[in-house]
Amino acid sequence: MNQLTAKDLEVISHLMIGEQMACKKARIYANTLTDVDLAMQMQTLAEAHERRFGVLLTLLNGGAV
């Protein structure tokens, strides 16, 4: 794998922050919504953000995606 540049690291860092915040918000919504279907959709969305965060972390640590 190619070495990541400083700009690459900056972009990945910003993406990770965005995914982390989106995951937290979706989890909050999932826990506060009274509509069960919407709450389940928010939980699914939170899990998707969490997976993307994990992929970015793997990339940051030099792993293959």
PDB file of N, CA and C in Angstrom:
ATOM      1  N   MET A   1       0.834  -1.185   0.000  1.00  0.00           N
ATOM      2  CA  MET A   1       0.000   0.000   0.000  1.00  0.00           C
ATOM      3  C   MET A   1       0.874   1.243   0.000  1.00  0.00           C
ATOM      4  N   ASN A   2       0.433   2.260  -0.676  1.00  0.00           N
ATOM      5  CA  ASN A   2       1.171   3.523  -0.738  1.00  0.00           C
ATOM      6  C   ASN A   2       1.121   4.232   0.601  1.00  0.00           C
ATOM      7  N   GLN A   3       2.143   5.030   0.848  1.00  0.00           N
ATOM      8  CA  GLN A   3       2.173   5.846   2.059  1.00  0.00           C
ATOM      9  C   GLN A   3       1.098   6.928   1.967  1.00  0.00           C
ATOM     10  N   LEU A   4       0.431   7.160   3.082  1.00  0.00           N
ATOM     11  CA  LEU A   4      -0.568   8.226   3.120  1.00  0.00           C
ATOM     12  C   LEU A   4       0.127   9.561   3.326  1.00  0.00           C
ATOM     13  N   THR A   5      -0.313  10.548   2.574  1.00  0.00           N
ATOM     14  CA  THR A   5       0.242  11.887   2.723  1.00  0.00           C
ATOM     15  C   THR A   5      -0.419  12.579   3.907  1.00  0.00           C
ATOM     16  N   ALA A   6       0.126  13.718   4.277  1.00  0.00           N
ATOM     17  CA  ALA A   6      -0.457  14.502   5.357  1.00  0.00           C
ATOM     18  C   ALA A   6      -1.890  14.914   4.998  1.00  0.00           C
ATOM     19  N   LYS A   7      -2.105  15.242   3.735  1.00  0.00           N
ATOM     20  CA  LYS A   7      -3.450  15.623   3.289  1.00  0.00           C
ATOM     21  C   LYS A   7      -4.403  14.432   3.388  1.00  0.00           C
ATOM     22  N   ASP A   8      -3.928  13.241   3.008  1.00  0.00           N
ATOM     23  CA  ASP A   8      -4.746  12.028   3.130  1.00  0.00           C
ATOM     24  C   ASP A   8      -5.168  11.807   4.583  1.00  0.00           C
ATOM     25  N   LEU A   9      -4.199  11.950   5.483  1.00  0.00           N
ATOM     26  CA  LEU A   9      -4.487  11.764   6.906  1.00  0.00           C
ATOM     27  C   LEU A   9      -5.488  12.786   7.410  1.00  0.00           C
ATOM     28  N   GLU A  10      -5.367  14.004   6.946  1.00  0.00           N
ATOM     29  CA  GLU A  10      -6.298  15.063   7.340  1.00  0.00           C
ATOM     30  C   GLU A  10      -7.717  14.746   6.858  1.00  0.00           C
ATOM     31  N   VAL A  11      -7.824  14.325   5.620  1.00  0.00           N
ATOM     32  CA  VAL A  11      -9.137  14.005   5.050  1.00  0.00           C
ATOM     33  C   VAL A  11      -9.763  12.820   5.784  1.00  0.00           C
ATOM     34  N   ILE A  12      -8.973  11.775   6.016  1.00  0.00           N
ATOM     35  CA  ILE A  12      -9.481  10.600   6.727  1.00  0.00           C
ATOM     36  C   ILE A  12      -9.923  10.977   8.131  1.00  0.00           C
ATOM     37  N   SER A  13      -9.151  11.815   8.786  1.00  0.00           N
ATOM     38  CA  SER A  13      -9.492  12.269  10.132  1.00  0.00           C
ATOM     39  C   SER A  13     -10.829  13.004  10.147  1.00  0.00           C
ATOM     40  N   HIS A  14     -11.024  13.885   9.192  1.00  0.00           N
ATOM     41  CA  HIS A  14     -12.286  14.628   9.110  1.00  0.00           C
ATOM     42  C   HIS A  14     -13.456  13.688   8.817  1.00  0.00           C
ATOM     43  N   LEU A  15     -13.237  12.725   7.941  1.00  0.00           N
ATOM     44  CA  LEU A  15     -14.291  11.757   7.630  1.00  0.00           C
ATOM     45  C   LEU A  15     -14.646  10.927   8.864  1.00  0.00           C
ATOM     46  N   MET A  16     -13.636  10.547   9.625  1.00  0.00           N
ATOM     47  CA  MET A  16     -13.878   9.756  10.831  1.00  0.00           C
ATOM     48  C   MET A  16     -14.682  10.548  11.857  1.00  0.00           C
ATOM     49  N   ILE A  17     -14.355  11.806  12.010  1.00  0.00           N
ATOM     50  CA  ILE A  17     -15.109  12.652  12.942  1.00  0.00           C
ATOM     51  C   ILE A  17     -16.563  12.751  12.503  1.00  0.00           C
ATOM     52  N   GLY A  18     -16.787  12.941  11.203  1.00  0.00           N
ATOM     53  CA  GLY A  18     -18.147  13.023  10.688  1.00  0.00           C
ATOM     54  C   GLY A  18     -18.921  11.732  10.898  1.00  0.00           C
ATOM     55  N   GLU A  19     -18.281  10.591  10.633  1.00  0.00           N
ATOM     56  CA  GLU A  19     -18.940   9.297  10.824  1.00  0.00           C
ATOM     57  C   GLU A  19     -19.248   9.060  12.297  1.00  0.00           C
ATOM     58  N   GLN A  20     -18.325   9.435  13.162  1.00  0.00           N
ATOM     59  CA  GLN A  20     -18.534   9.255  14.595  1.00  0.00           C
ATOM     60  C   GLN A  20     -19.706  10.105  15.091  1.00  0.00           C
ATOM     61  N   MET A  21     -19.767  11.340  14.647  1.00  0.00           N
ATOM     62  CA  MET A  21     -20.859  12.223  15.065  1.00  0.00           C
ATOM     63  C   MET A  21     -22.202  11.731  14.518  1.00  0.00           C
ATOM     64  N   ALA A  22     -22.213  11.310  13.262  1.00  0.00           N
ATOM     65  CA  ALA A  22     -23.452  10.814  12.666  1.00  0.00           C
ATOM     66  C   ALA A  22     -23.930   9.556  13.384  1.00  0.00           C
ATOM     67  N   CYS A  23     -23.010   8.694  13.758  1.00  0.00           N
ATOM     68  CA  CYS A  23     -23.358   7.479  14.488  1.00  0.00           C
ATOM     69  C   CYS A  23     -23.972   7.823  15.842  1.00  0.00           C
ATOM     70  N   LYS A  24     -23.348   8.726  16.556  1.00  0.00           N
ATOM     71  CA  LYS A  24     -23.864   9.127  17.874  1.00  0.00           C
ATOM     72  C   LYS A  24     -25.257   9.728  17.757  1.00  0.00           C
ATOM     73  N   LYS A  25     -25.462  10.598  16.784  1.00  0.00           N
ATOM     74  CA  LYS A  25     -26.770  11.224  16.599  1.00  0.00           C
ATOM     75  C   LYS A  25     -27.830  10.192  16.248  1.00  0.00           C
ATOM     76  N   ALA A  26     -27.486   9.274  15.344  1.00  0.00           N
ATOM     77  CA  ALA A  26     -28.455   8.242  14.956  1.00  0.00           C
ATOM     78  C   ALA A  26     -28.806   7.362  16.151  1.00  0.00           C
ATOM     79  N   ARG A  27     -27.830   7.061  17.012  1.00  0.00           N
ATOM     80  CA  ARG A  27     -28.115   6.260  18.210  1.00  0.00           C
ATOM     81  C   ARG A  27     -29.022   7.018  19.176  1.00  0.00           C
ATOM     82  N   ILE A  28     -28.783   8.302  19.316  1.00  0.00           N
ATOM     83  CA  ILE A  28     -29.655   9.116  20.179  1.00  0.00           C
ATOM     84  C   ILE A  28     -31.077   9.096  19.647  1.00  0.00           C
ATOM     85  N   TYR A  29     -31.219   9.302  18.327  1.00  0.00           N
ATOM     86  CA  TYR A  29     -32.550   9.265  17.723  1.00  0.00           C
ATOM     87  C   TYR A  29     -33.190   7.898  17.904  1.00  0.00           C
ATOM     88  N   ALA A  30     -32.418   6.842  17.711  1.00  0.00           N
ATOM     89  CA  ALA A  30     -32.950   5.484  17.856  1.00  0.00           C
ATOM     90  C   ALA A  30     -33.471   5.246  19.263  1.00  0.00           C
ATOM     91  N   ASN A  31     -32.808   5.845  20.251  1.00  0.00           N
ATOM     92  CA  ASN A  31     -33.211   5.646  21.643  1.00  0.00           C
ATOM     93  C   ASN A  31     -34.331   6.565  22.092  1.00  0.00           C
ATOM     94  N   THR A  32     -34.596   7.627  21.346  1.00  0.00           N
ATOM     95  CA  THR A  32     -35.627   8.574  21.783  1.00  0.00           C
ATOM     96  C   THR A  32     -36.900   8.544  20.939  1.00  0.00           C
ATOM     97  N   LEU A  33     -36.826   8.005  19.733  1.00  0.00           N
ATOM     98  CA  LEU A  33     -38.015   7.946  18.888  1.00  0.00           C
ATOM     99  C   LEU A  33     -39.031   6.965  19.465  1.00  0.00           C
ATOM    100  N   THR A  34     -40.287   7.333  19.395  1.00  0.00           N
ATOM    101  CA  THR A  34     -41.351   6.446  19.881  1.00  0.00           C
ATOM    102  C   THR A  34     -41.893   5.556  18.774  1.00  0.00           C
ATOM    103  N   ASP A  35     -41.681   5.947  17.525  1.00  0.00           N
ATOM    104  CA  ASP A  35     -42.087   5.121  16.390  1.00  0.00           C
ATOM    105  C   ASP A  35     -41.051   4.012  16.230  1.00  0.00           C
ATOM    106  N   VAL A  36     -41.479   2.776  16.440  1.00  0.00           N
ATOM    107  CA  VAL A  36     -40.560   1.638  16.431  1.00  0.00           C
ATOM    108  C   VAL A  36     -39.864   1.482  15.084  1.00  0.00           C
ATOM    109  N   ASP A  37     -40.584   1.661  13.990  1.00  0.00           N
ATOM    110  CA  ASP A  37     -39.975   1.517  12.660  1.00  0.00           C
ATOM    111  C   ASP A  37     -38.886   2.558  12.430  1.00  0.00           C
ATOM    112  N   LEU A  38     -39.170   3.798  12.799  1.00  0.00           N
ATOM    113  CA  LEU A  38     -38.156   4.848  12.644  1.00  0.00           C
ATOM    114  C   LEU A  38     -36.963   4.596  13.547  1.00  0.00           C
ATOM    115  N   ALA A  39     -37.221   4.133  14.763  1.00  0.00           N
ATOM    116  CA  ALA A  39     -36.130   3.840  15.696  1.00  0.00           C
ATOM    117  C   ALA A  39     -35.236   2.736  15.134  1.00  0.00           C
ATOM    118  N   MET A  40     -35.844   1.719  14.518  1.00  0.00           N
ATOM    119  CA  MET A  40     -35.057   0.642  13.923  1.00  0.00           C
ATOM    120  C   MET A  40     -34.240   1.146  12.736  1.00  0.00           C
ATOM    121  N   GLN A  41     -34.816   2.035  11.945  1.00  0.00           N
ATOM    122  CA  GLN A  41     -34.078   2.617  10.819  1.00  0.00           C
ATOM    123  C   GLN A  41     -32.888   3.436  11.313  1.00  0.00           C
ATOM    124  N   MET A  42     -33.086   4.167  12.390  1.00  0.00           N
ATOM    125  CA  MET A  42     -31.987   4.958  12.956  1.00  0.00           C
ATOM    126  C   MET A  42     -30.900   4.042  13.508  1.00  0.00           C
ATOM    127  N   GLN A  43     -31.283   2.929  14.100  1.00  0.00           N
ATOM    128  CA  GLN A  43     -30.301   1.971  14.601  1.00  0.00           C
ATOM    129  C   GLN A  43     -29.494   1.379  13.443  1.00  0.00           C
ATOM    130  N   THR A  44     -30.174   1.047  12.362  1.00  0.00           N
ATOM    131  CA  THR A  44     -29.498   0.530  11.171  1.00  0.00           C
ATOM    132  C   THR A  44     -28.545   1.575  10.604  1.00  0.00           C
ATOM    133  N   LEU A  45     -28.990   2.816  10.570  1.00  0.00           N
ATOM    134  CA  LEU A  45     -28.148   3.905  10.080  1.00  0.00           C
ATOM    135  C   LEU A  45     -26.914   4.083  10.973  1.00  0.00           C
ATOM    136  N   ALA A  46     -27.106   4.012  12.282  1.00  0.00           N
ATOM    137  CA  ALA A  46     -25.981   4.133  13.216  1.00  0.00           C
ATOM    138  C   ALA A  46     -24.959   3.029  12.974  1.00  0.00           C
ATOM    139  N   GLU A  47     -25.441   1.817  12.743  1.00  0.00           N
ATOM    140  CA  GLU A  47     -24.536   0.696  12.491  1.00  0.00           C
ATOM    141  C   GLU A  47     -23.753   0.891  11.193  1.00  0.00           C
ATOM    142  N   ALA A  48     -24.403   1.464  10.184  1.00  0.00           N
ATOM    143  CA  ALA A  48     -23.716   1.737   8.920  1.00  0.00           C
ATOM    144  C   ALA A  48     -22.608   2.777   9.126  1.00  0.00           C
ATOM    145  N   HIS A  49     -22.889   3.807   9.898  1.00  0.00           N
ATOM    146  CA  HIS A  49     -21.864   4.823  10.182  1.00  0.00           C
ATOM    147  C   HIS A  49     -20.715   4.199  10.978  1.00  0.00           C
ATOM    148  N   GLU A  50     -21.053   3.312  11.891  1.00  0.00           N
ATOM    149  CA  GLU A  50     -20.026   2.654  12.693  1.00  0.00           C
ATOM    150  C   GLU A  50     -19.124   1.778  11.818  1.00  0.00           C
ATOM    151  N   ARG A  51     -19.717   1.075  10.857  1.00  0.00           N
ATOM    152  CA  ARG A  51     -18.913   0.259   9.937  1.00  0.00           C
ATOM    153  C   ARG A  51     -17.985   1.133   9.103  1.00  0.00           C
ATOM    154  N   ARG A  52     -18.499   2.255   8.597  1.00  0.00           N
ATOM    155  CA  ARG A  52     -17.650   3.149   7.796  1.00  0.00           C
ATOM    156  C   ARG A  52     -16.513   3.718   8.643  1.00  0.00           C
ATOM    157  N   PHE A  53     -16.800   4.037   9.896  1.00  0.00           N
ATOM    158  CA  PHE A  53     -15.759   4.511  10.799  1.00  0.00           C
ATOM    159  C   PHE A  53     -14.677   3.437  10.937  1.00  0.00           C
ATOM    160  N   GLY A  54     -15.088   2.192  11.090  1.00  0.00           N
ATOM    161  CA  GLY A  54     -14.144   1.087  11.214  1.00  0.00           C
ATOM    162  C   GLY A  54     -13.283   0.918   9.973  1.00  0.00           C
ATOM    163  N   VAL A  55     -13.881   1.067   8.810  1.00  0.00           N
ATOM    164  CA  VAL A  55     -13.131   0.966   7.559  1.00  0.00           C
ATOM    165  C   VAL A  55     -12.096   2.086   7.478  1.00  0.00           C
ATOM    166  N   LEU A  56     -12.498   3.284   7.837  1.00  0.00           N
ATOM    167  CA  LEU A  56     -11.563   4.412   7.817  1.00  0.00           C
ATOM    168  C   LEU A  56     -10.425   4.195   8.816  1.00  0.00           C
ATOM    169  N   LEU A  57     -10.743   3.639   9.974  1.00  0.00           N
ATOM    170  CA  LEU A  57      -9.718   3.366  10.980  1.00  0.00           C
ATOM    171  C   LEU A  57      -8.728   2.326  10.462  1.00  0.00           C
ATOM    172  N   THR A  58      -9.239   1.306   9.800  1.00  0.00           N
ATOM    173  CA  THR A  58      -8.378   0.291   9.201  1.00  0.00           C
ATOM    174  C   THR A  58      -7.444   0.911   8.167  1.00  0.00           C
ATOM    175  N   LEU A  59      -8.023   1.768   7.332  1.00  0.00           N
ATOM    176  CA  LEU A  59      -7.225   2.470   6.314  1.00  0.00           C
ATOM    177  C   LEU A  59      -6.149   3.326   6.975  1.00  0.00           C
ATOM    178  N   LEU A  60      -6.509   4.003   8.031  1.00  0.00           N
ATOM    179  CA  LEU A  60      -5.580   4.876   8.741  1.00  0.00           C
ATOM    180  C   LEU A  60      -4.433   4.068   9.353  1.00  0.00           C
ATOM    181  N   ASN A  61      -4.749   2.865   9.807  1.00  0.00           N
ATOM    182  CA  ASN A  61      -3.736   2.005  10.434  1.00  0.00           C
ATOM    183  C   ASN A  61      -2.925   1.213   9.407  1.00  0.00           C
ATOM    184  N   GLY A  62      -3.140   1.502   8.123  1.00  0.00           N
ATOM    185  CA  GLY A  62      -2.339   0.868   7.086  1.00  0.00           C
ATOM    186  C   GLY A  62      -2.873  -0.443   6.585  1.00  0.00           C
ATOM    187  N   GLY A  63      -4.071  -0.813   7.010  1.00  0.00           N
ATOM    188  CA  GLY A  63      -4.655  -2.067   6.552  1.00  0.00           C
ATOM    189  C   GLY A  63      -5.319  -1.925   5.207  1.00  0.00           C
ATOM    190  N   ALA A  64      -5.545  -3.058   4.576  1.00  0.00           N
ATOM    191  CA  ALA A  64      -6.245  -3.071   3.289  1.00  0.00           C
ATOM    192  C   ALA A  64      -7.742  -2.976   3.542  1.00  0.00           C
ATOM    193  N   VAL A  65      -8.408  -2.276   2.663  1.00  0.00           N
ATOM    194  CA  VAL A  65      -9.859  -2.112   2.782  1.00  0.00           C
ATOM    195  C   VAL A  65     -10.544  -2.994   1.786  1.00  0.00           C
TER     196      VAL A  65
END
